[in-house]
Amino acid sequence: MLYDITGKRPTLFRPPLGYYNKQIIDIAKQRGYTVVMWSKHQDTYDWQNPGTRRIVRRVINHIQPGQIILFHDHGSGSRKQTVQALKEILPILKEKGYTFVTVSELLKHHPNYRDLNL
């Protein structure tokens, strides 16, 4: 489905709910995927609709360079809080000197992943 839209095959895999084990990792690798998770303390729990302020605080209070922040783009409930939180988070982090890249771009800077076909 993604290939039909983008013309590119996905190479990254985030296990649903973050549940994984050796078998899942091995199967993902056999099928050409790199398993990617989010950074510790950077699950926003936005799917629980905790409120915009709480999402913003969670990200800003735990931010460190190179982190992957988990936001959800669908599922049950509205994503209005997520969108509003991002409108606040992005300028704050930009002001602090952070830049924003895709996970693929982030991995290109890591010595263990530079050779991946991202």
N, C-alpha and C. Protein backbone atom coordinates (compact mmCIF):
# COMPACT_ATOMS: atom_id res chain seq x y z
N MET A 1 0.82 -1.19 0.00
CA MET A 1 0.00 0.00 0.00
C MET A 1 0.87 1.26 0.00
N LEU A 2 1.87 1.32 0.88
CA LEU A 2 2.76 2.49 0.88
C LEU A 2 3.52 2.60 -0.44
N TYR A 3 3.94 1.46 -0.96
CA TYR A 3 4.65 1.47 -2.24
C TYR A 3 3.77 2.06 -3.33
N ASP A 4 2.49 1.72 -3.34
CA ASP A 4 1.56 2.25 -4.34
C ASP A 4 1.45 3.77 -4.27
N ILE A 5 1.58 4.30 -3.06
CA ILE A 5 1.44 5.75 -2.87
C ILE A 5 2.76 6.47 -3.11
N THR A 6 3.87 5.92 -2.59
CA THR A 6 5.15 6.63 -2.60
C THR A 6 6.14 6.13 -3.66
N GLY A 7 5.94 4.90 -4.13
CA GLY A 7 6.91 4.31 -5.05
C GLY A 7 8.14 3.77 -4.34
N LYS A 8 8.11 3.78 -3.00
CA LYS A 8 9.22 3.27 -2.20
C LYS A 8 8.70 2.23 -1.23
N ARG A 9 9.52 1.22 -1.01
CA ARG A 9 9.17 0.19 -0.04
C ARG A 9 9.68 0.60 1.34
N PRO A 10 8.87 0.43 2.37
CA PRO A 10 9.33 0.77 3.72
C PRO A 10 10.49 -0.13 4.13
N THR A 11 11.40 0.41 4.91
CA THR A 11 12.53 -0.36 5.41
C THR A 11 12.58 -0.37 6.93
N LEU A 12 11.71 0.42 7.56
CA LEU A 12 11.70 0.52 9.01
C LEU A 12 10.41 -0.09 9.55
N PHE A 13 10.51 -0.68 10.73
CA PHE A 13 9.35 -1.33 11.35
C PHE A 13 9.31 -0.99 12.83
N ARG A 14 8.18 -0.44 13.27
CA ARG A 14 7.94 -0.23 14.69
C ARG A 14 6.88 -1.23 15.11
N PRO A 15 7.24 -2.16 15.99
CA PRO A 15 6.27 -3.16 16.41
C PRO A 15 5.06 -2.51 17.06
N PRO A 16 3.87 -2.97 16.71
CA PRO A 16 2.66 -2.42 17.33
C PRO A 16 2.73 -2.50 18.85
N LEU A 17 2.35 -1.41 19.48
CA LEU A 17 2.36 -1.27 20.93
C LEU A 17 3.76 -1.37 21.53
N GLY A 18 4.78 -1.45 20.69
CA GLY A 18 6.14 -1.56 21.17
C GLY A 18 6.50 -2.93 21.69
N TYR A 19 5.66 -3.92 21.40
CA TYR A 19 5.94 -5.28 21.85
C TYR A 19 6.82 -5.99 20.84
N TYR A 20 7.92 -6.53 21.31
CA TYR A 20 8.80 -7.28 20.45
C TYR A 20 9.56 -8.32 21.25
N ASN A 21 10.09 -9.27 20.51
CA ASN A 21 10.95 -10.29 21.09
C ASN A 21 11.93 -10.71 20.00
N LYS A 22 12.77 -11.67 20.28
CA LYS A 22 13.78 -12.10 19.31
C LYS A 22 13.15 -12.59 18.02
N GLN A 23 12.05 -13.31 18.10
CA GLN A 23 11.39 -13.83 16.91
C GLN A 23 10.90 -12.69 16.01
N ILE A 24 10.30 -11.70 16.59
CA ILE A 24 9.80 -10.56 15.81
C ILE A 24 10.97 -9.84 15.14
N ILE A 25 12.04 -9.61 15.90
CA ILE A 25 13.21 -8.93 15.33
C ILE A 25 13.81 -9.77 14.20
N ASP A 26 13.94 -11.07 14.40
CA ASP A 26 14.52 -11.95 13.37
C ASP A 26 13.67 -11.96 12.10
N ILE A 27 12.36 -12.04 12.25
CA ILE A 27 11.47 -12.04 11.08
C ILE A 27 11.55 -10.71 10.36
N ALA A 28 11.56 -9.62 11.12
CA ALA A 28 11.67 -8.29 10.49
C ALA A 28 12.96 -8.19 9.69
N LYS A 29 14.07 -8.63 10.27
CA LYS A 29 15.37 -8.59 9.57
C LYS A 29 15.34 -9.46 8.32
N GLN A 30 14.75 -10.66 8.40
CA GLN A 30 14.66 -11.55 7.24
C GLN A 30 13.89 -10.91 6.10
N ARG A 31 12.94 -10.07 6.44
CA ARG A 31 12.11 -9.41 5.42
C ARG A 31 12.64 -8.05 5.01
N GLY A 32 13.84 -7.71 5.51
CA GLY A 32 14.50 -6.48 5.08
C GLY A 32 14.16 -5.24 5.87
N TYR A 33 13.60 -5.41 7.05
CA TYR A 33 13.24 -4.27 7.88
C TYR A 33 14.25 -4.06 9.01
N THR A 34 14.39 -2.83 9.42
CA THR A 34 15.12 -2.48 10.62
C THR A 34 14.09 -2.11 11.67
N VAL A 35 14.17 -2.75 12.83
CA VAL A 35 13.23 -2.45 13.91
C VAL A 35 13.66 -1.16 14.58
N VAL A 36 12.73 -0.23 14.72
CA VAL A 36 13.00 1.07 15.32
C VAL A 36 11.96 1.32 16.41
N MET A 37 12.44 1.74 17.55
CA MET A 37 11.55 2.08 18.66
C MET A 37 11.71 3.57 18.94
N TRP A 38 10.92 4.06 19.86
CA TRP A 38 11.04 5.45 20.28
C TRP A 38 11.99 5.53 21.47
N SER A 39 12.40 6.73 21.80
CA SER A 39 13.34 6.94 22.89
C SER A 39 12.66 6.81 24.25
N LYS A 40 13.44 6.34 25.22
CA LYS A 40 12.93 6.22 26.59
C LYS A 40 12.38 7.58 27.03
N HIS A 41 11.26 7.58 27.66
CA HIS A 41 10.59 8.77 28.18
C HIS A 41 10.00 9.66 27.08
N GLN A 42 9.97 9.17 25.83
CA GLN A 42 9.40 10.01 24.78
C GLN A 42 8.18 9.37 24.11
N ASP A 43 7.46 8.54 24.86
CA ASP A 43 6.13 8.13 24.43
C ASP A 43 5.20 9.19 25.00
N THR A 44 4.54 9.92 24.13
CA THR A 44 3.69 11.03 24.56
C THR A 44 2.34 10.57 25.12
N TYR A 45 1.99 9.31 24.91
CA TYR A 45 0.69 8.78 25.33
C TYR A 45 -0.44 9.65 24.79
N ASP A 46 -0.21 10.26 23.64
CA ASP A 46 -1.21 11.15 23.07
C ASP A 46 -2.50 10.43 22.72
N TRP A 47 -2.43 9.13 22.48
CA TRP A 47 -3.63 8.35 22.17
C TRP A 47 -4.60 8.31 23.35
N GLN A 48 -4.11 8.60 24.56
CA GLN A 48 -4.97 8.63 25.74
C GLN A 48 -5.66 9.99 25.92
N ASN A 49 -5.36 10.93 25.03
CA ASN A 49 -5.90 12.29 25.12
C ASN A 49 -5.65 12.90 26.50
N PRO A 50 -4.36 13.01 26.89
CA PRO A 50 -4.03 13.52 28.22
C PRO A 50 -4.11 15.04 28.34
N GLY A 51 -4.33 15.70 27.24
CA GLY A 51 -4.35 17.17 27.23
C GLY A 51 -3.09 17.71 26.57
N THR A 52 -3.24 18.80 25.87
CA THR A 52 -2.14 19.41 25.14
C THR A 52 -0.98 19.76 26.07
N ARG A 53 -1.26 20.39 27.20
CA ARG A 53 -0.20 20.81 28.12
C ARG A 53 0.64 19.62 28.59
N ARG A 54 -0.02 18.51 28.88
CA ARG A 54 0.70 17.34 29.38
C ARG A 54 1.61 16.75 28.29
N ILE A 55 1.12 16.73 27.06
CA ILE A 55 1.95 16.23 25.95
C ILE A 55 3.17 17.12 25.78
N VAL A 56 2.95 18.43 25.78
CA VAL A 56 4.05 19.38 25.62
C VAL A 56 5.07 19.21 26.75
N ARG A 57 4.61 19.19 27.98
CA ARG A 57 5.52 19.04 29.13
C ARG A 57 6.33 17.76 29.05
N ARG A 58 5.67 16.67 28.70
CA ARG A 58 6.36 15.37 28.65
C ARG A 58 7.53 15.43 27.67
N VAL A 59 7.31 15.99 26.49
CA VAL A 59 8.37 16.07 25.48
C VAL A 59 9.46 17.03 25.92
N ILE A 60 9.09 18.24 26.28
CA ILE A 60 10.07 19.28 26.61
C ILE A 60 10.90 18.89 27.84
N ASN A 61 10.29 18.29 28.84
CA ASN A 61 11.00 17.94 30.07
C ASN A 61 11.99 16.79 29.89
N HIS A 62 11.84 16.01 28.84
CA HIS A 62 12.71 14.84 28.65
C HIS A 62 13.57 14.91 27.39
N ILE A 63 13.51 16.00 26.67
CA ILE A 63 14.19 16.06 25.36
C ILE A 63 15.71 15.99 25.49
N GLN A 64 16.31 15.24 24.57
CA GLN A 64 17.76 15.15 24.43
C GLN A 64 18.06 14.96 22.95
N PRO A 65 19.24 15.38 22.51
CA PRO A 65 19.59 15.23 21.09
C PRO A 65 19.50 13.77 20.63
N GLY A 66 19.00 13.59 19.42
CA GLY A 66 18.94 12.27 18.80
C GLY A 66 17.74 11.43 19.18
N GLN A 67 16.84 11.99 19.96
CA GLN A 67 15.69 11.20 20.40
C GLN A 67 14.64 11.04 19.31
N ILE A 68 13.92 9.94 19.44
CA ILE A 68 12.76 9.66 18.59
C ILE A 68 11.54 9.81 19.50
N ILE A 69 10.66 10.73 19.15
CA ILE A 69 9.47 11.00 19.95
C ILE A 69 8.29 10.30 19.30
N LEU A 70 7.52 9.58 20.11
CA LEU A 70 6.38 8.82 19.60
C LEU A 70 5.10 9.63 19.68
N PHE A 71 4.54 9.92 18.51
CA PHE A 71 3.21 10.51 18.38
C PHE A 71 2.38 9.53 17.56
N HIS A 72 1.09 9.58 17.72
CA HIS A 72 0.20 8.68 16.97
C HIS A 72 -0.60 9.51 15.98
N ASP A 73 -0.74 8.97 14.77
CA ASP A 73 -1.46 9.71 13.75
C ASP A 73 -2.87 9.18 13.51
N HIS A 74 -3.22 8.05 14.16
CA HIS A 74 -4.59 7.56 14.04
C HIS A 74 -4.89 6.62 15.19
N GLY A 75 -6.03 6.03 15.17
CA GLY A 75 -6.47 5.16 16.25
C GLY A 75 -7.74 5.74 16.84
N SER A 76 -8.14 5.23 17.96
CA SER A 76 -9.38 5.72 18.55
C SER A 76 -9.17 7.14 19.08
N GLY A 77 -10.19 7.92 18.94
CA GLY A 77 -10.14 9.28 19.48
C GLY A 77 -9.60 10.31 18.51
N SER A 78 -9.69 11.53 18.94
CA SER A 78 -9.25 12.69 18.16
C SER A 78 -7.75 12.90 18.31
N ARG A 79 -7.14 13.49 17.31
CA ARG A 79 -5.72 13.85 17.38
C ARG A 79 -5.54 15.37 17.50
N LYS A 80 -6.59 16.07 17.87
CA LYS A 80 -6.50 17.52 18.01
C LYS A 80 -5.46 17.92 19.05
N GLN A 81 -5.37 17.18 20.16
CA GLN A 81 -4.39 17.51 21.19
C GLN A 81 -2.97 17.31 20.67
N THR A 82 -2.78 16.27 19.89
CA THR A 82 -1.46 16.00 19.31
C THR A 82 -1.05 17.13 18.37
N VAL A 83 -1.96 17.51 17.51
CA VAL A 83 -1.68 18.59 16.55
C VAL A 83 -1.38 19.89 17.29
N GLN A 84 -2.19 20.22 18.28
CA GLN A 84 -1.97 21.45 19.04
C GLN A 84 -0.65 21.39 19.80
N ALA A 85 -0.33 20.22 20.38
CA ALA A 85 0.92 20.08 21.11
C ALA A 85 2.11 20.28 20.18
N LEU A 86 2.05 19.73 19.00
CA LEU A 86 3.14 19.90 18.04
C LEU A 86 3.32 21.36 17.66
N LYS A 87 2.23 22.09 17.56
CA LYS A 87 2.31 23.53 17.25
C LYS A 87 3.07 24.28 18.34
N GLU A 88 3.05 23.76 19.55
CA GLU A 88 3.79 24.38 20.65
C GLU A 88 5.20 23.81 20.80
N ILE A 89 5.33 22.50 20.64
CA ILE A 89 6.61 21.82 20.84
C ILE A 89 7.65 22.23 19.80
N LEU A 90 7.26 22.23 18.54
CA LEU A 90 8.24 22.47 17.47
C LEU A 90 8.93 23.83 17.60
N PRO A 91 8.20 24.93 17.82
CA PRO A 91 8.91 26.21 17.99
C PRO A 91 9.82 26.25 19.22
N ILE A 92 9.40 25.62 20.31
CA ILE A 92 10.22 25.60 21.53
C ILE A 92 11.53 24.87 21.26
N LEU A 93 11.43 23.70 20.64
CA LEU A 93 12.64 22.93 20.37
C LEU A 93 13.52 23.62 19.33
N LYS A 94 12.90 24.24 18.35
CA LYS A 94 13.67 24.97 17.34
C LYS A 94 14.44 26.11 17.99
N GLU A 95 13.80 26.80 18.91
CA GLU A 95 14.45 27.89 19.63
C GLU A 95 15.64 27.38 20.46
N LYS A 96 15.55 26.16 20.93
CA LYS A 96 16.63 25.55 21.71
C LYS A 96 17.73 24.97 20.82
N GLY A 97 17.55 25.10 19.50
CA GLY A 97 18.60 24.67 18.57
C GLY A 97 18.40 23.28 17.97
N TYR A 98 17.28 22.66 18.24
CA TYR A 98 17.03 21.34 17.67
C TYR A 98 16.60 21.46 16.21
N THR A 99 16.96 20.47 15.44
CA THR A 99 16.46 20.35 14.07
C THR A 99 15.67 19.06 14.01
N PHE A 100 14.85 18.93 13.01
CA PHE A 100 13.93 17.80 12.91
C PHE A 100 14.22 17.03 11.63
N VAL A 101 14.37 15.74 11.78
CA VAL A 101 14.66 14.87 10.65
C VAL A 101 13.80 13.62 10.74
N THR A 102 13.72 12.91 9.64
CA THR A 102 13.02 11.64 9.65
C THR A 102 13.86 10.61 10.40
N VAL A 103 13.26 9.52 10.78
CA VAL A 103 14.00 8.44 11.43
C VAL A 103 15.09 7.93 10.49
N SER A 104 14.77 7.80 9.22
CA SER A 104 15.77 7.34 8.25
C SER A 104 16.98 8.26 8.23
N GLU A 105 16.74 9.56 8.25
CA GLU A 105 17.84 10.53 8.25
C GLU A 105 18.63 10.44 9.55
N LEU A 106 17.96 10.29 10.65
CA LEU A 106 18.64 10.16 11.94
C LEU A 106 19.56 8.94 11.94
N LEU A 107 19.09 7.83 11.42
CA LEU A 107 19.89 6.60 11.40
C LEU A 107 21.11 6.72 10.49
N LYS A 108 21.03 7.53 9.47
CA LYS A 108 22.18 7.71 8.58
C LYS A 108 23.38 8.31 9.32
N HIS A 109 23.13 8.96 10.43
CA HIS A 109 24.21 9.58 11.21
C HIS A 109 24.79 8.64 12.26
N HIS A 110 24.19 7.48 12.41
CA HIS A 110 24.65 6.53 13.43
C HIS A 110 25.56 5.50 12.77
N PRO A 111 26.74 5.26 13.32
CA PRO A 111 27.69 4.35 12.67
C PRO A 111 27.17 2.92 12.47
N ASN A 112 26.27 2.46 13.31
CA ASN A 112 25.74 1.11 13.16
C ASN A 112 24.72 0.98 12.03
N TYR A 113 24.21 2.10 11.54
CA TYR A 113 23.13 2.05 10.56
C TYR A 113 23.45 2.75 9.25
N ARG A 114 24.63 3.30 9.11
CA ARG A 114 24.96 4.08 7.90
C ARG A 114 24.81 3.28 6.62
N ASP A 115 25.04 1.98 6.70
CA ASP A 115 25.02 1.16 5.48
C ASP A 115 23.63 0.66 5.11
N LEU A 116 22.62 0.99 5.87
CA LEU A 116 21.27 0.56 5.53
C LEU A 116 20.81 1.29 4.28
N ASN A 117 19.98 0.67 3.53
CA ASN A 117 19.41 1.28 2.33
C ASN A 117 18.19 2.10 2.73
N LEU A 118 18.44 3.26 3.32
CA LEU A 118 17.33 4.09 3.83
C LEU A 118 16.97 5.17 2.85
